[in-house]
Amino acid sequence: MSYLFLIGAILFEVMGTTCMKISEGFTKTLPSVLIFVFYGISFILFTLALKRLEVSLAYAIWSGIGTLSITLIGLIYFDESLTALKVGSIALIIIGVVGLNLSSGIH
């Protein structure tokens, strides 16, 4: 169940971050309000996930998958550039998450 909470936390964090971009600096009302709603739900779900998960592993997964997701959203929907440095950096994040997972003995 903790991993379901973590997945939900990631999804709502990604939606909140996407709303940050869409809000255009808090000039659009609905996306501006949704930033706080989505982040609030994300933090609640993340807190519930931490009841059973190690914080280092959970945070690495949360931030790593969130970073990858936002990068993909930026590329696809906001026409952001993809550079070798971005690809390499995301690869390092994924390697770090896998390393933390292995060090925690979770398979």
PDB file of N, CA and C in Angstrom:
ATOM      1  N   MET A   1       0.823  -1.200   0.000  1.00  0.00           N
ATOM      2  CA  MET A   1       0.000   0.000   0.000  1.00  0.00           C
ATOM      3  C   MET A   1       0.865   1.262   0.000  1.00  0.00           C
ATOM      4  N   SER A   2       2.016   1.193   0.669  1.00  0.00           N
ATOM      5  CA  SER A   2       2.894   2.361   0.731  1.00  0.00           C
ATOM      6  C   SER A   2       3.361   2.789  -0.646  1.00  0.00           C
ATOM      7  N   TYR A   3       3.633   1.811  -1.519  1.00  0.00           N
ATOM      8  CA  TYR A   3       4.058   2.167  -2.874  1.00  0.00           C
ATOM      9  C   TYR A   3       2.925   2.804  -3.671  1.00  0.00           C
ATOM     10  N   LEU A   4       1.692   2.423  -3.394  1.00  0.00           N
ATOM     11  CA  LEU A   4       0.560   3.087  -4.053  1.00  0.00           C
ATOM     12  C   LEU A   4       0.459   4.547  -3.610  1.00  0.00           C
ATOM     13  N   PHE A   5       0.668   4.783  -2.314  1.00  0.00           N
ATOM     14  CA  PHE A   5       0.689   6.166  -1.822  1.00  0.00           C
ATOM     15  C   PHE A   5       1.817   6.949  -2.494  1.00  0.00           C
ATOM     16  N   LEU A   6       2.973   6.301  -2.641  1.00  0.00           N
ATOM     17  CA  LEU A   6       4.116   6.964  -3.265  1.00  0.00           C
ATOM     18  C   LEU A   6       3.825   7.295  -4.730  1.00  0.00           C
ATOM     19  N   ILE A   7       3.246   6.370  -5.457  1.00  0.00           N
ATOM     20  CA  ILE A   7       2.884   6.623  -6.858  1.00  0.00           C
ATOM     21  C   ILE A   7       1.894   7.780  -6.951  1.00  0.00           C
ATOM     22  N   GLY A   8       0.900   7.789  -6.068  1.00  0.00           N
ATOM     23  CA  GLY A   8      -0.059   8.899  -6.052  1.00  0.00           C
ATOM     24  C   GLY A   8       0.622  10.216  -5.741  1.00  0.00           C
ATOM     25  N   ALA A   9       1.546  10.204  -4.786  1.00  0.00           N
ATOM     26  CA  ALA A   9       2.288  11.421  -4.427  1.00  0.00           C
ATOM     27  C   ALA A   9       3.065  11.945  -5.624  1.00  0.00           C
ATOM     28  N   ILE A  10       3.671  11.045  -6.373  1.00  0.00           N
ATOM     29  CA  ILE A  10       4.436  11.443  -7.560  1.00  0.00           C
ATOM     30  C   ILE A  10       3.507  12.061  -8.608  1.00  0.00           C
ATOM     31  N   LEU A  11       2.386  11.404  -8.866  1.00  0.00           N
ATOM     32  CA  LEU A  11       1.450  11.912  -9.873  1.00  0.00           C
ATOM     33  C   LEU A  11       0.946  13.310  -9.524  1.00  0.00           C
ATOM     34  N   PHE A  12       0.576  13.517  -8.258  1.00  0.00           N
ATOM     35  CA  PHE A  12       0.067  14.836  -7.863  1.00  0.00           C
ATOM     36  C   PHE A  12       1.171  15.888  -7.852  1.00  0.00           C
ATOM     37  N   GLU A  13       2.396  15.489  -7.517  1.00  0.00           N
ATOM     38  CA  GLU A  13       3.519  16.438  -7.557  1.00  0.00           C
ATOM     39  C   GLU A  13       3.782  16.873  -8.991  1.00  0.00           C
ATOM     40  N   VAL A  14       3.728  15.940  -9.920  1.00  0.00           N
ATOM     41  CA  VAL A  14       3.936  16.254 -11.335  1.00  0.00           C
ATOM     42  C   VAL A  14       2.817  17.166 -11.847  1.00  0.00           C
ATOM     43  N   MET A  15       1.585  16.885 -11.445  1.00  0.00           N
ATOM     44  CA  MET A  15       0.477  17.758 -11.862  1.00  0.00           C
ATOM     45  C   MET A  15       0.648  19.158 -11.274  1.00  0.00           C
ATOM     46  N   GLY A  16       1.085  19.247 -10.020  1.00  0.00           N
ATOM     47  CA  GLY A  16       1.304  20.549  -9.402  1.00  0.00           C
ATOM     48  C   GLY A  16       2.401  21.340 -10.096  1.00  0.00           C
ATOM     49  N   THR A  17       3.483  20.660 -10.437  1.00  0.00           N
ATOM     50  CA  THR A  17       4.579  21.331 -11.126  1.00  0.00           C
ATOM     51  C   THR A  17       4.163  21.768 -12.528  1.00  0.00           C
ATOM     52  N   THR A  18       3.395  20.938 -13.212  1.00  0.00           N
ATOM     53  CA  THR A  18       2.886  21.314 -14.529  1.00  0.00           C
ATOM     54  C   THR A  18       1.990  22.549 -14.426  1.00  0.00           C
ATOM     55  N   CYS A  19       1.180  22.603 -13.382  1.00  0.00           N
ATOM     56  CA  CYS A  19       0.324  23.778 -13.171  1.00  0.00           C
ATOM     57  C   CYS A  19       1.148  25.033 -12.915  1.00  0.00           C
ATOM     58  N   MET A  20       2.339  24.879 -12.324  1.00  0.00           N
ATOM     59  CA  MET A  20       3.211  26.045 -12.138  1.00  0.00           C
ATOM     60  C   MET A  20       3.533  26.681 -13.485  1.00  0.00           C
ATOM     61  N   LYS A  21       3.862  25.849 -14.441  1.00  0.00           N
ATOM     62  CA  LYS A  21       4.184  26.355 -15.783  1.00  0.00           C
ATOM     63  C   LYS A  21       2.942  26.968 -16.448  1.00  0.00           C
ATOM     64  N   ILE A  22       1.829  26.253 -16.356  1.00  0.00           N
ATOM     65  CA  ILE A  22       0.590  26.704 -17.001  1.00  0.00           C
ATOM     66  C   ILE A  22       0.056  27.995 -16.367  1.00  0.00           C
ATOM     67  N   SER A  23       0.333  28.198 -15.075  1.00  0.00           N
ATOM     68  CA  SER A  23      -0.201  29.382 -14.379  1.00  0.00           C
ATOM     69  C   SER A  23       0.426  30.688 -14.859  1.00  0.00           C
ATOM     70  N   GLU A  24       1.533  30.578 -15.582  1.00  0.00           N
ATOM     71  CA  GLU A  24       2.230  31.764 -16.096  1.00  0.00           C
ATOM     72  C   GLU A  24       2.492  32.788 -14.993  1.00  0.00           C
ATOM     73  N   GLY A  25       3.174  32.316 -13.953  1.00  0.00           N
ATOM     74  CA  GLY A  25       3.545  33.222 -12.866  1.00  0.00           C
ATOM     75  C   GLY A  25       2.363  33.678 -12.037  1.00  0.00           C
ATOM     76  N   PHE A  26       1.432  32.783 -11.782  1.00  0.00           N
ATOM     77  CA  PHE A  26       0.221  33.060 -11.004  1.00  0.00           C
ATOM     78  C   PHE A  26      -0.718  34.047 -11.684  1.00  0.00           C
ATOM     79  N   THR A  27      -0.641  34.161 -12.994  1.00  0.00           N
ATOM     80  CA  THR A  27      -1.554  35.079 -13.691  1.00  0.00           C
ATOM     81  C   THR A  27      -2.828  34.383 -14.158  1.00  0.00           C
ATOM     82  N   LYS A  28      -2.859  33.067 -14.134  1.00  0.00           N
ATOM     83  CA  LYS A  28      -4.062  32.310 -14.481  1.00  0.00           C
ATOM     84  C   LYS A  28      -4.594  31.661 -13.207  1.00  0.00           C
ATOM     85  N   THR A  29      -5.844  31.950 -12.879  1.00  0.00           N
ATOM     86  CA  THR A  29      -6.411  31.580 -11.583  1.00  0.00           C
ATOM     87  C   THR A  29      -6.482  30.077 -11.348  1.00  0.00           C
ATOM     88  N   LEU A  30      -7.114  29.335 -12.238  1.00  0.00           N
ATOM     89  CA  LEU A  30      -7.326  27.910 -11.988  1.00  0.00           C
ATOM     90  C   LEU A  30      -6.015  27.137 -11.822  1.00  0.00           C
ATOM     91  N   PRO A  31      -5.054  27.270 -12.747  1.00  0.00           N
ATOM     92  CA  PRO A  31      -3.809  26.545 -12.534  1.00  0.00           C
ATOM     93  C   PRO A  31      -3.068  27.007 -11.271  1.00  0.00           C
ATOM     94  N   SER A  32      -3.214  28.269 -10.913  1.00  0.00           N
ATOM     95  CA  SER A  32      -2.569  28.784  -9.704  1.00  0.00           C
ATOM     96  C   SER A  32      -3.135  28.120  -8.451  1.00  0.00           C
ATOM     97  N   VAL A  33      -4.440  27.974  -8.405  1.00  0.00           N
ATOM     98  CA  VAL A  33      -5.085  27.303  -7.268  1.00  0.00           C
ATOM     99  C   VAL A  33      -4.715  25.824  -7.250  1.00  0.00           C
ATOM    100  N   LEU A  34      -4.699  25.209  -8.429  1.00  0.00           N
ATOM    101  CA  LEU A  34      -4.404  23.777  -8.510  1.00  0.00           C
ATOM    102  C   LEU A  34      -2.985  23.435  -8.061  1.00  0.00           C
ATOM    103  N   ILE A  35      -2.047  24.367  -8.182  1.00  0.00           N
ATOM    104  CA  ILE A  35      -0.696  24.131  -7.664  1.00  0.00           C
ATOM    105  C   ILE A  35      -0.780  23.709  -6.202  1.00  0.00           C
ATOM    106  N   PHE A  36      -1.495  24.472  -5.411  1.00  0.00           N
ATOM    107  CA  PHE A  36      -1.574  24.218  -3.973  1.00  0.00           C
ATOM    108  C   PHE A  36      -2.396  22.978  -3.654  1.00  0.00           C
ATOM    109  N   VAL A  37      -3.457  22.763  -4.410  1.00  0.00           N
ATOM    110  CA  VAL A  37      -4.283  21.572  -4.207  1.00  0.00           C
ATOM    111  C   VAL A  37      -3.466  20.325  -4.496  1.00  0.00           C
ATOM    112  N   PHE A  38      -2.823  20.290  -5.655  1.00  0.00           N
ATOM    113  CA  PHE A  38      -2.065  19.104  -6.050  1.00  0.00           C
ATOM    114  C   PHE A  38      -0.863  18.861  -5.133  1.00  0.00           C
ATOM    115  N   TYR A  39      -0.150  19.912  -4.776  1.00  0.00           N
ATOM    116  CA  TYR A  39       0.987  19.728  -3.869  1.00  0.00           C
ATOM    117  C   TYR A  39       0.518  19.297  -2.483  1.00  0.00           C
ATOM    118  N   GLY A  40      -0.597  19.832  -2.020  1.00  0.00           N
ATOM    119  CA  GLY A  40      -1.135  19.404  -0.725  1.00  0.00           C
ATOM    120  C   GLY A  40      -1.453  17.923  -0.717  1.00  0.00           C
ATOM    121  N   ILE A  41      -2.137  17.456  -1.756  1.00  0.00           N
ATOM    122  CA  ILE A  41      -2.462  16.030  -1.857  1.00  0.00           C
ATOM    123  C   ILE A  41      -1.183  15.210  -1.959  1.00  0.00           C
ATOM    124  N   SER A  42      -0.225  15.698  -2.727  1.00  0.00           N
ATOM    125  CA  SER A  42       1.048  14.986  -2.878  1.00  0.00           C
ATOM    126  C   SER A  42       1.748  14.815  -1.534  1.00  0.00           C
ATOM    127  N   PHE A  43       1.813  15.871  -0.743  1.00  0.00           N
ATOM    128  CA  PHE A  43       2.483  15.782   0.556  1.00  0.00           C
ATOM    129  C   PHE A  43       1.743  14.856   1.512  1.00  0.00           C
ATOM    130  N   ILE A  44       0.434  14.866   1.455  1.00  0.00           N
ATOM    131  CA  ILE A  44      -0.340  13.942   2.298  1.00  0.00           C
ATOM    132  C   ILE A  44      -0.034  12.499   1.918  1.00  0.00           C
ATOM    133  N   LEU A  45      -0.074  12.200   0.628  1.00  0.00           N
ATOM    134  CA  LEU A  45       0.193  10.834   0.178  1.00  0.00           C
ATOM    135  C   LEU A  45       1.636  10.424   0.467  1.00  0.00           C
ATOM    136  N   PHE A  46       2.565  11.352   0.283  1.00  0.00           N
ATOM    137  CA  PHE A  46       3.974  11.046   0.561  1.00  0.00           C
ATOM    138  C   PHE A  46       4.178  10.760   2.051  1.00  0.00           C
ATOM    139  N   THR A  47       3.529  11.517   2.890  1.00  0.00           N
ATOM    140  CA  THR A  47       3.617  11.284   4.333  1.00  0.00           C
ATOM    141  C   THR A  47       3.066   9.914   4.696  1.00  0.00           C
ATOM    142  N   LEU A  48       1.957   9.516   4.070  1.00  0.00           N
ATOM    143  CA  LEU A  48       1.406   8.184   4.315  1.00  0.00           C
ATOM    144  C   LEU A  48       2.349   7.092   3.811  1.00  0.00           C
ATOM    145  N   ALA A  49       3.006   7.324   2.695  1.00  0.00           N
ATOM    146  CA  ALA A  49       3.970   6.347   2.168  1.00  0.00           C
ATOM    147  C   ALA A  49       5.139   6.160   3.128  1.00  0.00           C
ATOM    148  N   LEU A  50       5.538   7.230   3.802  1.00  0.00           N
ATOM    149  CA  LEU A  50       6.692   7.165   4.704  1.00  0.00           C
ATOM    150  C   LEU A  50       6.419   6.382   5.986  1.00  0.00           C
ATOM    151  N   LYS A  51       5.167   6.011   6.220  1.00  0.00           N
ATOM    152  CA  LYS A  51       4.875   5.185   7.395  1.00  0.00           C
ATOM    153  C   LYS A  51       5.586   3.844   7.292  1.00  0.00           C
ATOM    154  N   ARG A  52       5.786   3.346   6.070  1.00  0.00           N
ATOM    155  CA  ARG A  52       6.379   2.021   5.877  1.00  0.00           C
ATOM    156  C   ARG A  52       7.652   2.017   5.039  1.00  0.00           C
ATOM    157  N   LEU A  53       7.949   3.109   4.358  1.00  0.00           N
ATOM    158  CA  LEU A  53       9.128   3.160   3.486  1.00  0.00           C
ATOM    159  C   LEU A  53      10.238   3.976   4.127  1.00  0.00           C
ATOM    160  N   GLU A  54      11.477   3.621   3.805  1.00  0.00           N
ATOM    161  CA  GLU A  54      12.619   4.423   4.259  1.00  0.00           C
ATOM    162  C   GLU A  54      12.575   5.775   3.538  1.00  0.00           C
ATOM    163  N   VAL A  55      12.834   6.827   4.276  1.00  0.00           N
ATOM    164  CA  VAL A  55      12.719   8.166   3.706  1.00  0.00           C
ATOM    165  C   VAL A  55      13.724   8.370   2.576  1.00  0.00           C
ATOM    166  N   SER A  56      14.937   7.836   2.697  1.00  0.00           N
ATOM    167  CA  SER A  56      15.941   8.039   1.643  1.00  0.00           C
ATOM    168  C   SER A  56      15.502   7.384   0.344  1.00  0.00           C
ATOM    169  N   LEU A  57      14.981   6.193   0.419  1.00  0.00           N
ATOM    170  CA  LEU A  57      14.523   5.494  -0.772  1.00  0.00           C
ATOM    171  C   LEU A  57      13.276   6.161  -1.348  1.00  0.00           C
ATOM    172  N   ALA A  58      12.304   6.452  -0.505  1.00  0.00           N
ATOM    173  CA  ALA A  58      11.052   7.046  -0.971  1.00  0.00           C
ATOM    174  C   ALA A  58      11.293   8.411  -1.615  1.00  0.00           C
ATOM    175  N   TYR A  59      12.142   9.230  -0.996  1.00  0.00           N
ATOM    176  CA  TYR A  59      12.397  10.551  -1.555  1.00  0.00           C
ATOM    177  C   TYR A  59      13.151  10.459  -2.871  1.00  0.00           C
ATOM    178  N   ALA A  60      14.085   9.521  -2.963  1.00  0.00           N
ATOM    179  CA  ALA A  60      14.824   9.348  -4.216  1.00  0.00           C
ATOM    180  C   ALA A  60      13.886   8.928  -5.344  1.00  0.00           C
ATOM    181  N   ILE A  61      12.987   8.012  -5.056  1.00  0.00           N
ATOM    182  CA  ILE A  61      12.021   7.576  -6.065  1.00  0.00           C
ATOM    183  C   ILE A  61      11.094   8.727  -6.438  1.00  0.00           C
ATOM    184  N   TRP A  62      10.581   9.431  -5.415  1.00  0.00           N
ATOM    185  CA  TRP A  62       9.658  10.545  -5.632  1.00  0.00           C
ATOM    186  C   TRP A  62      10.300  11.633  -6.496  1.00  0.00           C
ATOM    187  N   SER A  63      11.482  12.050  -6.114  1.00  0.00           N
ATOM    188  CA  SER A  63      12.120  13.135  -6.859  1.00  0.00           C
ATOM    189  C   SER A  63      12.644  12.660  -8.211  1.00  0.00           C
ATOM    190  N   GLY A  64      13.147  11.436  -8.286  1.00  0.00           N
ATOM    191  CA  GLY A  64      13.682  10.929  -9.545  1.00  0.00           C
ATOM    192  C   GLY A  64      12.608  10.747 -10.603  1.00  0.00           C
ATOM    193  N   ILE A  65      11.529  10.072 -10.237  1.00  0.00           N
ATOM    194  CA  ILE A  65      10.441   9.864 -11.192  1.00  0.00           C
ATOM    195  C   ILE A  65       9.762  11.189 -11.510  1.00  0.00           C
ATOM    196  N   GLY A  66       9.639  12.045 -10.511  1.00  0.00           N
ATOM    197  CA  GLY A  66       9.068  13.380 -10.752  1.00  0.00           C
ATOM    198  C   GLY A  66       9.908  14.177 -11.731  1.00  0.00           C
ATOM    199  N   THR A  67      11.223  14.138 -11.560  1.00  0.00           N
ATOM    200  CA  THR A  67      12.125  14.858 -12.459  1.00  0.00           C
ATOM    201  C   THR A  67      12.033  14.307 -13.878  1.00  0.00           C
ATOM    202  N   LEU A  68      12.052  12.999 -13.999  1.00  0.00           N
ATOM    203  CA  LEU A  68      11.938  12.376 -15.322  1.00  0.00           C
ATOM    204  C   LEU A  68      10.600  12.742 -15.978  1.00  0.00           C
ATOM    205  N   SER A  69       9.526  12.671 -15.211  1.00  0.00           N
ATOM    206  CA  SER A  69       8.195  12.975 -15.748  1.00  0.00           C
ATOM    207  C   SER A  69       8.087  14.426 -16.207  1.00  0.00           C
ATOM    208  N   ILE A  70       8.573  15.341 -15.385  1.00  0.00           N
ATOM    209  CA  ILE A  70       8.504  16.765 -15.737  1.00  0.00           C
ATOM    210  C   ILE A  70       9.384  17.058 -16.948  1.00  0.00           C
ATOM    211  N   THR A  71      10.511  16.388 -17.043  1.00  0.00           N
ATOM    212  CA  THR A  71      11.367  16.564 -18.213  1.00  0.00           C
ATOM    213  C   THR A  71      10.637  16.133 -19.475  1.00  0.00           C
ATOM    214  N   LEU A  72       9.981  14.981 -19.417  1.00  0.00           N
ATOM    215  CA  LEU A  72       9.225  14.496 -20.578  1.00  0.00           C
ATOM    216  C   LEU A  72       8.064  15.420 -20.922  1.00  0.00           C
ATOM    217  N   ILE A  73       7.357  15.898 -19.911  1.00  0.00           N
ATOM    218  CA  ILE A  73       6.257  16.843 -20.147  1.00  0.00           C
ATOM    219  C   ILE A  73       6.791  18.124 -20.788  1.00  0.00           C
ATOM    220  N   GLY A  74       7.924  18.602 -20.292  1.00  0.00           N
ATOM    221  CA  GLY A  74       8.535  19.802 -20.870  1.00  0.00           C
ATOM    222  C   GLY A  74       8.913  19.610 -22.327  1.00  0.00           C
ATOM    223  N   LEU A  75       9.459  18.439 -22.634  1.00  0.00           N
ATOM    224  CA  LEU A  75       9.846  18.152 -24.021  1.00  0.00           C
ATOM    225  C   LEU A  75       8.635  18.041 -24.935  1.00  0.00           C
ATOM    226  N   ILE A  76       7.617  17.321 -24.479  1.00  0.00           N
ATOM    227  CA  ILE A  76       6.465  17.024 -25.329  1.00  0.00           C
ATOM    228  C   ILE A  76       5.485  18.186 -25.435  1.00  0.00           C
ATOM    229  N   TYR A  77       5.150  18.798 -24.296  1.00  0.00           N
ATOM    230  CA  TYR A  77       4.072  19.800 -24.291  1.00  0.00           C
ATOM    231  C   TYR A  77       4.554  21.250 -24.308  1.00  0.00           C
ATOM    232  N   PHE A  78       5.779  21.490 -23.829  1.00  0.00           N
ATOM    233  CA  PHE A  78       6.254  22.866 -23.755  1.00  0.00           C
ATOM    234  C   PHE A  78       7.428  23.136 -24.692  1.00  0.00           C
ATOM    235  N   ASP A  79       7.712  22.169 -25.574  1.00  0.00           N
ATOM    236  CA  ASP A  79       8.733  22.329 -26.615  1.00  0.00           C
ATOM    237  C   ASP A  79      10.102  22.723 -26.043  1.00  0.00           C
ATOM    238  N   GLU A  80      10.470  22.103 -24.920  1.00  0.00           N
ATOM    239  CA  GLU A  80      11.780  22.362 -24.329  1.00  0.00           C
ATOM    240  C   GLU A  80      12.836  21.528 -25.040  1.00  0.00           C
ATOM    241  N   SER A  81      14.068  21.957 -24.933  1.00  0.00           N
ATOM    242  CA  SER A  81      15.149  21.275 -25.642  1.00  0.00           C
ATOM    243  C   SER A  81      15.644  20.056 -24.858  1.00  0.00           C
ATOM    244  N   LEU A  82      16.198  19.108 -25.609  1.00  0.00           N
ATOM    245  CA  LEU A  82      16.810  17.918 -25.017  1.00  0.00           C
ATOM    246  C   LEU A  82      18.295  17.966 -25.341  1.00  0.00           C
ATOM    247  N   THR A  83      19.112  18.000 -24.312  1.00  0.00           N
ATOM    248  CA  THR A  83      20.556  18.050 -24.515  1.00  0.00           C
ATOM    249  C   THR A  83      21.191  16.783 -23.949  1.00  0.00           C
ATOM    250  N   ALA A  84      22.417  16.552 -24.351  1.00  0.00           N
ATOM    251  CA  ALA A  84      23.160  15.397 -23.833  1.00  0.00           C
ATOM    252  C   ALA A  84      23.326  15.511 -22.314  1.00  0.00           C
ATOM    253  N   LEU A  85      23.496  16.713 -21.814  1.00  0.00           N
ATOM    254  CA  LEU A  85      23.633  16.906 -20.374  1.00  0.00           C
ATOM    255  C   LEU A  85      22.357  16.522 -19.633  1.00  0.00           C
ATOM    256  N   LYS A  86      21.196  16.875 -20.192  1.00  0.00           N
ATOM    257  CA  LYS A  86      19.926  16.485 -19.577  1.00  0.00           C
ATOM    258  C   LYS A  86      19.779  14.969 -19.554  1.00  0.00           C
ATOM    259  N   VAL A  87      20.080  14.327 -20.672  1.00  0.00           N
ATOM    260  CA  VAL A  87      19.965  12.869 -20.757  1.00  0.00           C
ATOM    261  C   VAL A  87      20.911  12.209 -19.754  1.00  0.00           C
ATOM    262  N   GLY A  88      22.141  12.667 -19.701  1.00  0.00           N
ATOM    263  CA  GLY A  88      23.113  12.109 -18.763  1.00  0.00           C
ATOM    264  C   GLY A  88      22.709  12.328 -17.314  1.00  0.00           C
ATOM    265  N   SER A  89      22.200  13.491 -17.013  1.00  0.00           N
ATOM    266  CA  SER A  89      21.779  13.800 -15.647  1.00  0.00           C
ATOM    267  C   SER A  89      20.608  12.933 -15.208  1.00  0.00           C
ATOM    268  N   ILE A  90      19.653  12.726 -16.090  1.00  0.00           N
ATOM    269  CA  ILE A  90      18.512  11.864 -15.776  1.00  0.00           C
ATOM    270  C   ILE A  90      18.981  10.424 -15.593  1.00  0.00           C
ATOM    271  N   ALA A  91      19.927   9.993 -16.415  1.00  0.00           N
ATOM    272  CA  ALA A  91      20.479   8.641 -16.263  1.00  0.00           C
ATOM    273  C   ALA A  91      21.138   8.482 -14.896  1.00  0.00           C
ATOM    274  N   LEU A  92      21.846   9.484 -14.451  1.00  0.00           N
ATOM    275  CA  LEU A  92      22.479   9.427 -13.126  1.00  0.00           C
ATOM    276  C   LEU A  92      21.437   9.368 -12.006  1.00  0.00           C
ATOM    277  N   ILE A  93      20.344  10.087 -12.171  1.00  0.00           N
ATOM    278  CA  ILE A  93      19.265  10.036 -11.179  1.00  0.00           C
ATOM    279  C   ILE A  93      18.700   8.622 -11.110  1.00  0.00           C
ATOM    280  N   ILE A  94      18.448   8.024 -12.260  1.00  0.00           N
ATOM    281  CA  ILE A  94      17.912   6.658 -12.293  1.00  0.00           C
ATOM    282  C   ILE A  94      18.895   5.679 -11.669  1.00  0.00           C
ATOM    283  N   ILE A  95      20.168   5.819 -11.971  1.00  0.00           N
ATOM    284  CA  ILE A  95      21.187   4.956 -11.365  1.00  0.00           C
ATOM    285  C   ILE A  95      21.187   5.122  -9.848  1.00  0.00           C
ATOM    286  N   GLY A  96      21.052   6.350  -9.384  1.00  0.00           N
ATOM    287  CA  GLY A  96      21.008   6.605  -7.948  1.00  0.00           C
ATOM    288  C   GLY A  96      19.812   5.964  -7.273  1.00  0.00           C
ATOM    289  N   VAL A  97      18.650   6.035  -7.895  1.00  0.00           N
ATOM    290  CA  VAL A  97      17.443   5.423  -7.335  1.00  0.00           C
ATOM    291  C   VAL A  97      17.606   3.913  -7.285  1.00  0.00           C
ATOM    292  N   VAL A  98      18.123   3.327  -8.350  1.00  0.00           N
ATOM    293  CA  VAL A  98      18.347   1.876  -8.359  1.00  0.00           C
ATOM    294  C   VAL A  98      19.347   1.495  -7.280  1.00  0.00           C
ATOM    295  N   GLY A  99      20.416   2.270  -7.135  1.00  0.00           N
ATOM    296  CA  GLY A  99      21.413   1.998  -6.099  1.00  0.00           C
ATOM    297  C   GLY A  99      20.833   2.068  -4.697  1.00  0.00           C
ATOM    298  N   LEU A 100      20.011   3.056  -4.424  1.00  0.00           N
ATOM    299  CA  LEU A 100      19.367   3.149  -3.116  1.00  0.00           C
ATOM    300  C   LEU A 100      18.419   1.981  -2.888  1.00  0.00           C
ATOM    301  N   ASN A 101      17.707   1.593  -3.932  1.00  0.00           N
ATOM    302  CA  ASN A 101      16.793   0.467  -3.832  1.00  0.00           C
ATOM    303  C   ASN A 101      17.559  -0.807  -3.482  1.00  0.00           C
ATOM    304  N   LEU A 102      18.662  -1.039  -4.159  1.00  0.00           N
ATOM    305  CA  LEU A 102      19.470  -2.230  -3.899  1.00  0.00           C
ATOM    306  C   LEU A 102      20.095  -2.195  -2.507  1.00  0.00           C
ATOM    307  N   SER A 103      20.504  -1.026  -2.066  1.00  0.00           N
ATOM    308  CA  SER A 103      21.138  -0.926  -0.748  1.00  0.00           C
ATOM    309  C   SER A 103      20.136  -1.112   0.385  1.00  0.00           C
ATOM    310  N   SER A 104      18.858  -0.931   0.095  1.00  0.00           N
ATOM    311  CA  SER A 104      17.819  -1.099   1.113  1.00  0.00           C
ATOM    312  C   SER A 104      17.326  -2.539   1.191  1.00  0.00           C
ATOM    313  N   GLY A 105      17.777  -3.366   0.268  1.00  0.00           N
ATOM    314  CA  GLY A 105      17.366  -4.759   0.282  1.00  0.00           C
ATOM    315  C   GLY A 105      15.948  -4.985  -0.217  1.00  0.00           C
ATOM    316  N   ILE A 106      15.393  -3.997  -0.939  1.00  0.00           N
ATOM    317  CA  ILE A 106      14.041  -4.115  -1.486  1.00  0.00           C
ATOM    318  C   ILE A 106      14.169  -4.547  -2.939  1.00  0.00           C
ATOM    319  N   HIS A 107      13.400  -5.544  -3.339  1.00  0.00           N
ATOM    320  CA  HIS A 107      13.508  -6.059  -4.715  1.00  0.00           C
ATOM    321  C   HIS A 107      12.225  -5.835  -5.458  1.00  0.00           C
TER     322      HIS A 107
END
